[in-house]
Each structure stands twice: as C-alpha cells, then as structure tokens.
Amino acid sequence: SLLTVSNIEDAKTISEHTSNESVPSAMMAADAKFQSCQIQQFVTDSSLTQDLDVIKEAQEAYDKLIQNMDYFEKIHKEANNQKELEKVNEIKEKAKNLFETGKKMVSSYAKSKEAGDAVMEEVDVSSLELAALLDELKDTQINEAVINSKTASSELNSTLYVVIIMSLIGVLIGIVIGMVLVRQIGSSLKNFEDGLLSF
C-alpha cells in the first residue's frame, strides 16, 4: 500500500516535471535551432540583395534565440548547474558572432563580391558551430522528456502490478477464510444435528 502510494507520487512528480520543464525546454531548444537558421538565411539574403531591411529580420531571429537561451540560463541558475550555464553562454556567444559576422558580410558584399565571399566562409563556419551546439541542446532536452515519460510509465506499471498482486492475495485470503468458515459452520451444524438426534 505504501509502495503503491509512493509509486503514484513518483509518477506524478516526474509527469509534472516533464510537462512543466522537459517538454517546454525541448520546444525552446528546437526553436533556438530554427532561429539560428533564420539568422543565417536573413544575413545571406541581405548580403545578396543588399536590402538592409532584411537585417531587421535577422535581428528579430537573433533576439528570439537569445530569449530562448535566457530561459535555459534561468533554469540552470536555479539548479546551480555551472556546466550547463557555460554551454548556454557559449551558445549566446556563437549566436552573437554569427549575427555580427553576418552584418559584416552584408557590408563586405556592398564593397565587392570577393570581400563578401571571404566573410561568407566565416559565416558558414560560425553557423555550423552554433548548429552543433544547438543540436546537442535540443537532443539533450528531447531525450530528457522521453526518459521522464518512460520512467513515469514504468512507475505506473509497477503500481498496477502491485495492485493486481494485492487484489489476488486478498481474493485468495477471502477464499481460504470462506472455506474455513464453511467447514466450521458445517461442523457446528453437524454437531447440533447429532445432538438433536440423540434426544
């Protein structure tokens, strides 16, 4: 009984953590990855078209990526997880580098194709480095959500098995007690009947 209550509480805690933190974190990480792709796309578009308004869209994508990272920073500060905080700061640095190098690429292409091409290589390298970090973050968050879901399911399955076993034990005990009572009552009735017949 105590084991059942404990398993249900554990499953509830894990489910709440999954729905309140693991799943939103996985979604934030996936969105951060999307925003990094948007930054690269918009700075490339702006470079090729020399439309400086497109840089505003790159800025918006950068701001959204930083907001996502602020979410992770808050979680890791609350958990006092220095290792993950360092990863978040590295992602922020790489994102800033991508955006700044992208702006540099736009102005370089305004000067010459050769100058722009040289900076484009830097943008590509920066984008790949950021993508690798964000893929790792995304995969970590998705794996955590999956593991939490499996753990909660396992806890609930254990609880179900305990309840079934306890119910079967209860039924068996009831049958044994019933058989003993029937025999005792039957024996008492036989004795009573024998006593009546002896008169």
C-alpha atoms as a PDB file:
ATOM      1  CA  SER A   1       0.000   0.000   0.000  1.00  0.00           C
ATOM      2  CA  LEU A   2       2.768   2.430   0.917  1.00  0.00           C
ATOM      3  CA  LEU A   3       4.719   1.273  -2.133  1.00  0.00           C
ATOM      4  CA  THR A   4       1.707   1.979  -4.344  1.00  0.00           C
ATOM      5  CA  VAL A   5       1.257   5.482  -2.925  1.00  0.00           C
ATOM      6  CA  SER A   6       4.999   6.132  -3.303  1.00  0.00           C
ATOM      7  CA  ASN A   7       4.988   4.957  -6.937  1.00  0.00           C
ATOM      8  CA  ILE A   8       1.979   7.134  -7.750  1.00  0.00           C
ATOM      9  CA  GLU A   9       3.651  10.159  -6.129  1.00  0.00           C
ATOM     10  CA  ASP A  10       6.885   9.478  -8.043  1.00  0.00           C
ATOM     11  CA  ALA A  11       4.997   9.178 -11.329  1.00  0.00           C
ATOM     12  CA  LYS A  12       3.089  12.382 -10.582  1.00  0.00           C
ATOM     13  CA  THR A  13       6.304  14.278  -9.793  1.00  0.00           C
ATOM     14  CA  ILE A  14       8.018  13.012 -12.945  1.00  0.00           C
ATOM     15  CA  SER A  15       4.958  13.810 -15.083  1.00  0.00           C
ATOM     16  CA  GLU A  16       4.753  17.339 -13.699  1.00  0.00           C
ATOM     17  CA  HIS A  17       8.468  17.904 -14.329  1.00  0.00           C
ATOM     18  CA  THR A  18       8.077  16.572 -17.860  1.00  0.00           C
ATOM     19  CA  SER A  19       5.095  18.778 -18.699  1.00  0.00           C
ATOM     20  CA  ASN A  20       6.365  21.885 -16.875  1.00  0.00           C
ATOM     21  CA  GLU A  21      10.050  21.768 -17.813  1.00  0.00           C
ATOM     22  CA  SER A  22      11.220  18.940 -20.082  1.00  0.00           C
ATOM     23  CA  VAL A  23       8.735  19.402 -22.930  1.00  0.00           C
ATOM     24  CA  PRO A  24       8.884  23.237 -22.911  1.00  0.00           C
ATOM     25  CA  SER A  25      12.689  23.020 -22.806  1.00  0.00           C
ATOM     26  CA  ALA A  26      12.716  20.692 -25.802  1.00  0.00           C
ATOM     27  CA  MET A  27      10.457  23.106 -27.681  1.00  0.00           C
ATOM     28  CA  MET A  28      12.663  26.083 -26.742  1.00  0.00           C
ATOM     29  CA  ALA A  29      15.776  24.236 -27.912  1.00  0.00           C
ATOM     30  CA  ALA A  30      14.112  23.333 -31.224  1.00  0.00           C
ATOM     31  CA  ASP A  31      13.012  26.949 -31.692  1.00  0.00           C
ATOM     32  CA  ALA A  32      16.537  28.183 -30.900  1.00  0.00           C
ATOM     33  CA  LYS A  33      17.849  25.911 -33.660  1.00  0.00           C
ATOM     34  CA  PHE A  34      15.223  27.287 -36.060  1.00  0.00           C
ATOM     35  CA  GLN A  35      16.154  30.874 -35.148  1.00  0.00           C
ATOM     36  CA  SER A  36      19.836  30.192 -35.833  1.00  0.00           C
ATOM     37  CA  CYS A  37      18.888  29.013 -39.326  1.00  0.00           C
ATOM     38  CA  GLN A  38      16.798  32.147 -39.759  1.00  0.00           C
ATOM     39  CA  ILE A  39      19.726  34.388 -38.794  1.00  0.00           C
ATOM     40  CA  GLN A  40      21.925  32.752 -41.403  1.00  0.00           C
ATOM     41  CA  GLN A  41      19.207  32.887 -44.047  1.00  0.00           C
ATOM     42  CA  PHE A  42      18.387  36.560 -43.466  1.00  0.00           C
ATOM     43  CA  VAL A  43      22.008  37.783 -43.421  1.00  0.00           C
ATOM     44  CA  THR A  44      22.660  35.802 -46.599  1.00  0.00           C
ATOM     45  CA  ASP A  45      19.543  37.273 -48.254  1.00  0.00           C
ATOM     46  CA  SER A  46      20.527  40.768 -47.170  1.00  0.00           C
ATOM     47  CA  SER A  47      24.060  40.249 -48.498  1.00  0.00           C
ATOM     48  CA  LEU A  48      22.875  39.120 -51.901  1.00  0.00           C
ATOM     49  CA  THR A  49      20.083  41.671 -52.317  1.00  0.00           C
ATOM     50  CA  GLN A  50      21.700  44.484 -50.305  1.00  0.00           C
ATOM     51  CA  ASP A  51      18.253  45.007 -48.750  1.00  0.00           C
ATOM     52  CA  LEU A  52      19.126  46.330 -45.310  1.00  0.00           C
ATOM     53  CA  ASP A  53      15.555  45.829 -44.027  1.00  0.00           C
ATOM     54  CA  VAL A  54      16.205  42.067 -44.083  1.00  0.00           C
ATOM     55  CA  ILE A  55      18.838  42.616 -41.369  1.00  0.00           C
ATOM     56  CA  LYS A  56      15.940  43.622 -39.100  1.00  0.00           C
ATOM     57  CA  GLU A  57      14.505  40.144 -39.593  1.00  0.00           C
ATOM     58  CA  ALA A  58      17.884  38.632 -38.727  1.00  0.00           C
ATOM     59  CA  GLN A  59      17.903  40.826 -35.607  1.00  0.00           C
ATOM     60  CA  GLU A  60      14.445  39.528 -34.635  1.00  0.00           C
ATOM     61  CA  ALA A  61      15.594  35.920 -35.071  1.00  0.00           C
ATOM     62  CA  TYR A  62      18.718  36.649 -33.014  1.00  0.00           C
ATOM     63  CA  ASP A  63      16.599  38.253 -30.255  1.00  0.00           C
ATOM     64  CA  LYS A  64      14.287  35.211 -30.158  1.00  0.00           C
ATOM     65  CA  LEU A  65      17.267  32.856 -29.941  1.00  0.00           C
ATOM     66  CA  ILE A  66      18.671  34.892 -27.024  1.00  0.00           C
ATOM     67  CA  GLN A  67      15.257  34.807 -25.284  1.00  0.00           C
ATOM     68  CA  ASN A  68      15.278  31.011 -25.593  1.00  0.00           C
ATOM     69  CA  MET A  69      18.777  30.896 -24.119  1.00  0.00           C
ATOM     70  CA  ASP A  70      17.682  33.222 -21.284  1.00  0.00           C
ATOM     71  CA  TYR A  71      15.079  30.584 -20.403  1.00  0.00           C
ATOM     72  CA  PHE A  72      17.800  27.923 -20.138  1.00  0.00           C
ATOM     73  CA  GLU A  73      20.060  30.279 -18.241  1.00  0.00           C
ATOM     74  CA  LYS A  74      17.323  30.869 -15.647  1.00  0.00           C
ATOM     75  CA  ILE A  75      16.689  27.122 -15.209  1.00  0.00           C
ATOM     76  CA  HIS A  76      20.382  26.304 -14.847  1.00  0.00           C
ATOM     77  CA  LYS A  77      20.975  29.190 -12.423  1.00  0.00           C
ATOM     78  CA  GLU A  78      18.118  27.935 -10.241  1.00  0.00           C
ATOM     79  CA  ALA A  79      19.619  24.430 -10.342  1.00  0.00           C
ATOM     80  CA  ASN A  80      23.121  25.869  -9.782  1.00  0.00           C
ATOM     81  CA  ASN A  81      24.329  23.866 -12.793  1.00  0.00           C
ATOM     82  CA  GLN A  82      27.563  25.599 -13.809  1.00  0.00           C
ATOM     83  CA  LYS A  83      28.385  23.147 -16.603  1.00  0.00           C
ATOM     84  CA  GLU A  84      25.098  23.801 -18.412  1.00  0.00           C
ATOM     85  CA  LEU A  85      25.383  27.560 -17.765  1.00  0.00           C
ATOM     86  CA  GLU A  86      28.728  27.519 -19.569  1.00  0.00           C
ATOM     87  CA  LYS A  87      27.088  25.776 -22.533  1.00  0.00           C
ATOM     88  CA  VAL A  88      24.303  28.376 -22.617  1.00  0.00           C
ATOM     89  CA  ASN A  89      26.863  31.209 -22.543  1.00  0.00           C
ATOM     90  CA  GLU A  90      28.815  29.544 -25.340  1.00  0.00           C
ATOM     91  CA  ILE A  91      25.647  29.330 -27.445  1.00  0.00           C
ATOM     92  CA  LYS A  92      24.945  33.011 -26.803  1.00  0.00           C
ATOM     93  CA  GLU A  93      28.488  33.930 -27.837  1.00  0.00           C
ATOM     94  CA  LYS A  94      28.272  31.833 -31.007  1.00  0.00           C
ATOM     95  CA  ALA A  95      24.891  33.366 -31.875  1.00  0.00           C
ATOM     96  CA  LYS A  96      26.246  36.878 -31.390  1.00  0.00           C
ATOM     97  CA  ASN A  97      29.275  36.002 -33.503  1.00  0.00           C
ATOM     98  CA  LEU A  98      27.039  34.640 -36.277  1.00  0.00           C
ATOM     99  CA  PHE A  99      24.868  37.750 -36.287  1.00  0.00           C
ATOM    100  CA  GLU A 100      27.788  40.201 -36.162  1.00  0.00           C
ATOM    101  CA  THR A 101      29.720  38.306 -38.837  1.00  0.00           C
ATOM    102  CA  GLY A 102      26.543  38.252 -40.928  1.00  0.00           C
ATOM    103  CA  LYS A 103      26.253  42.032 -40.704  1.00  0.00           C
ATOM    104  CA  LYS A 104      29.928  42.278 -41.669  1.00  0.00           C
ATOM    105  CA  MET A 105      29.193  40.051 -44.669  1.00  0.00           C
ATOM    106  CA  VAL A 106      26.410  42.397 -45.818  1.00  0.00           C
ATOM    107  CA  SER A 107      28.724  45.421 -45.736  1.00  0.00           C
ATOM    108  CA  SER A 108      31.561  43.415 -47.364  1.00  0.00           C
ATOM    109  CA  TYR A 109      29.356  42.411 -50.292  1.00  0.00           C
ATOM    110  CA  ALA A 110      28.461  46.096 -50.694  1.00  0.00           C
ATOM    111  CA  LYS A 111      32.181  46.705 -51.343  1.00  0.00           C
ATOM    112  CA  SER A 112      32.939  43.717 -53.575  1.00  0.00           C
ATOM    113  CA  LYS A 113      31.991  40.132 -54.292  1.00  0.00           C
ATOM    114  CA  GLU A 114      35.438  38.913 -53.285  1.00  0.00           C
ATOM    115  CA  ALA A 115      35.294  40.674 -49.917  1.00  0.00           C
ATOM    116  CA  GLY A 116      31.800  39.297 -49.297  1.00  0.00           C
ATOM    117  CA  ASP A 117      32.806  35.764 -50.294  1.00  0.00           C
ATOM    118  CA  ALA A 118      35.672  35.821 -47.800  1.00  0.00           C
ATOM    119  CA  VAL A 119      33.337  36.779 -44.961  1.00  0.00           C
ATOM    120  CA  MET A 120      30.734  34.255 -46.114  1.00  0.00           C
ATOM    121  CA  GLU A 121      33.190  31.492 -45.219  1.00  0.00           C
ATOM    122  CA  GLU A 122      33.332  32.882 -41.667  1.00  0.00           C
ATOM    123  CA  VAL A 123      29.524  32.948 -41.550  1.00  0.00           C
ATOM    124  CA  ASP A 124      29.357  29.324 -42.688  1.00  0.00           C
ATOM    125  CA  VAL A 125      31.849  28.198 -40.022  1.00  0.00           C
ATOM    126  CA  SER A 126      30.073  30.218 -37.334  1.00  0.00           C
ATOM    127  CA  SER A 127      26.710  28.816 -38.389  1.00  0.00           C
ATOM    128  CA  LEU A 128      27.966  25.231 -38.264  1.00  0.00           C
ATOM    129  CA  GLU A 129      29.478  25.706 -34.801  1.00  0.00           C
ATOM    130  CA  LEU A 130      26.250  27.205 -33.485  1.00  0.00           C
ATOM    131  CA  ALA A 131      24.163  24.466 -35.136  1.00  0.00           C
ATOM    132  CA  ALA A 132      26.248  21.746 -33.472  1.00  0.00           C
ATOM    133  CA  LEU A 133      25.768  23.294 -30.017  1.00  0.00           C
ATOM    134  CA  LEU A 134      22.042  23.773 -30.564  1.00  0.00           C
ATOM    135  CA  ASP A 135      21.625  20.225 -31.881  1.00  0.00           C
ATOM    136  CA  GLU A 136      23.285  18.926 -28.719  1.00  0.00           C
ATOM    137  CA  LEU A 137      20.994  21.072 -26.552  1.00  0.00           C
ATOM    138  CA  LYS A 138      17.898  20.006 -28.492  1.00  0.00           C
ATOM    139  CA  ASP A 139      18.813  16.315 -28.352  1.00  0.00           C
ATOM    140  CA  THR A 140      19.524  16.526 -24.625  1.00  0.00           C
ATOM    141  CA  GLN A 141      16.150  18.137 -23.929  1.00  0.00           C
ATOM    142  CA  ILE A 142      14.218  15.694 -26.120  1.00  0.00           C
ATOM    143  CA  ASN A 143      15.999  12.727 -24.530  1.00  0.00           C
ATOM    144  CA  GLU A 144      15.185  14.041 -21.053  1.00  0.00           C
ATOM    145  CA  ALA A 145      11.491  14.337 -21.934  1.00  0.00           C
ATOM    146  CA  VAL A 146      11.454  10.803 -23.397  1.00  0.00           C
ATOM    147  CA  ILE A 147      13.286   9.310 -20.408  1.00  0.00           C
ATOM    148  CA  ASN A 148      10.944  11.085 -17.970  1.00  0.00           C
ATOM    149  CA  SER A 149       7.910   9.781 -19.843  1.00  0.00           C
ATOM    150  CA  LYS A 150       9.263   6.225 -19.813  1.00  0.00           C
ATOM    151  CA  THR A 151      10.107   6.473 -16.112  1.00  0.00           C
ATOM    152  CA  ALA A 152       6.608   7.726 -15.242  1.00  0.00           C
ATOM    153  CA  SER A 153       5.092   4.919 -17.313  1.00  0.00           C
ATOM    154  CA  SER A 154       7.296   2.357 -15.572  1.00  0.00           C
ATOM    155  CA  GLU A 155       6.286   3.688 -12.136  1.00  0.00           C
ATOM    156  CA  LEU A 156       2.613   3.415 -13.060  1.00  0.00           C
ATOM    157  CA  ASN A 157       3.083  -0.104 -14.455  1.00  0.00           C
ATOM    158  CA  SER A 158       4.789  -1.164 -11.209  1.00  0.00           C
ATOM    159  CA  THR A 159       1.880   0.282  -9.276  1.00  0.00           C
ATOM    160  CA  LEU A 160      -0.610  -1.616 -11.429  1.00  0.00           C
ATOM    161  CA  TYR A 161       1.247  -4.893 -10.849  1.00  0.00           C
ATOM    162  CA  VAL A 162       1.328  -4.288  -7.080  1.00  0.00           C
ATOM    163  CA  VAL A 163      -2.415  -3.542  -7.052  1.00  0.00           C
ATOM    164  CA  ILE A 164      -3.179  -6.699  -9.081  1.00  0.00           C
ATOM    165  CA  ILE A 165      -0.997  -8.884  -6.828  1.00  0.00           C
ATOM    166  CA  MET A 166      -2.519  -7.387  -3.676  1.00  0.00           C
ATOM    167  CA  SER A 167      -6.005  -7.959  -5.081  1.00  0.00           C
ATOM    168  CA  LEU A 168      -5.205 -11.596  -5.911  1.00  0.00           C
ATOM    169  CA  ILE A 169      -3.778 -12.131  -2.418  1.00  0.00           C
ATOM    170  CA  GLY A 170      -6.930 -10.572  -0.962  1.00  0.00           C
ATOM    171  CA  VAL A 171      -9.144 -12.870  -3.039  1.00  0.00           C
ATOM    172  CA  LEU A 172      -7.111 -15.955  -2.031  1.00  0.00           C
ATOM    173  CA  ILE A 173      -7.269 -14.975   1.635  1.00  0.00           C
ATOM    174  CA  GLY A 174     -11.019 -14.459   1.282  1.00  0.00           C
ATOM    175  CA  ILE A 175     -11.437 -17.916  -0.285  1.00  0.00           C
ATOM    176  CA  VAL A 176      -9.376 -19.595   2.456  1.00  0.00           C
ATOM    177  CA  ILE A 177     -11.303 -17.788   5.217  1.00  0.00           C
ATOM    178  CA  GLY A 178     -14.579 -18.652   3.491  1.00  0.00           C
ATOM    179  CA  MET A 179     -13.645 -22.333   3.283  1.00  0.00           C
ATOM    180  CA  VAL A 180     -12.607 -22.413   6.953  1.00  0.00           C
ATOM    181  CA  LEU A 181     -15.851 -20.714   7.994  1.00  0.00           C
ATOM    182  CA  VAL A 182     -17.971 -23.068   5.881  1.00  0.00           C
ATOM    183  CA  ARG A 183     -16.242 -26.081   7.470  1.00  0.00           C
ATOM    184  CA  GLN A 184     -16.628 -24.682  10.984  1.00  0.00           C
ATOM    185  CA  ILE A 185     -20.278 -23.827  10.418  1.00  0.00           C
ATOM    186  CA  GLY A 186     -20.842 -27.192   8.759  1.00  0.00           C
ATOM    187  CA  SER A 187     -19.146 -28.948  11.686  1.00  0.00           C
ATOM    188  CA  SER A 188     -21.194 -26.955  14.178  1.00  0.00           C
ATOM    189  CA  LEU A 189     -24.419 -27.764  12.337  1.00  0.00           C
ATOM    190  CA  LYS A 190     -23.464 -31.472  12.219  1.00  0.00           C
ATOM    191  CA  ASN A 191     -22.796 -31.436  15.975  1.00  0.00           C
ATOM    192  CA  PHE A 192     -26.089 -29.626  16.550  1.00  0.00           C
ATOM    193  CA  GLU A 193     -27.908 -32.106  14.346  1.00  0.00           C
ATOM    194  CA  ASP A 194     -26.267 -35.056  16.112  1.00  0.00           C
ATOM    195  CA  GLY A 195     -27.226 -33.512  19.435  1.00  0.00           C
ATOM    196  CA  LEU A 196     -30.873 -33.151  18.363  1.00  0.00           C
ATOM    197  CA  LEU A 197     -30.999 -36.718  17.065  1.00  0.00           C
ATOM    198  CA  SER A 198     -29.679 -38.086  20.339  1.00  0.00           C
ATOM    199  CA  PHE A 199     -32.854 -36.951  22.150  1.00  0.00           C
END
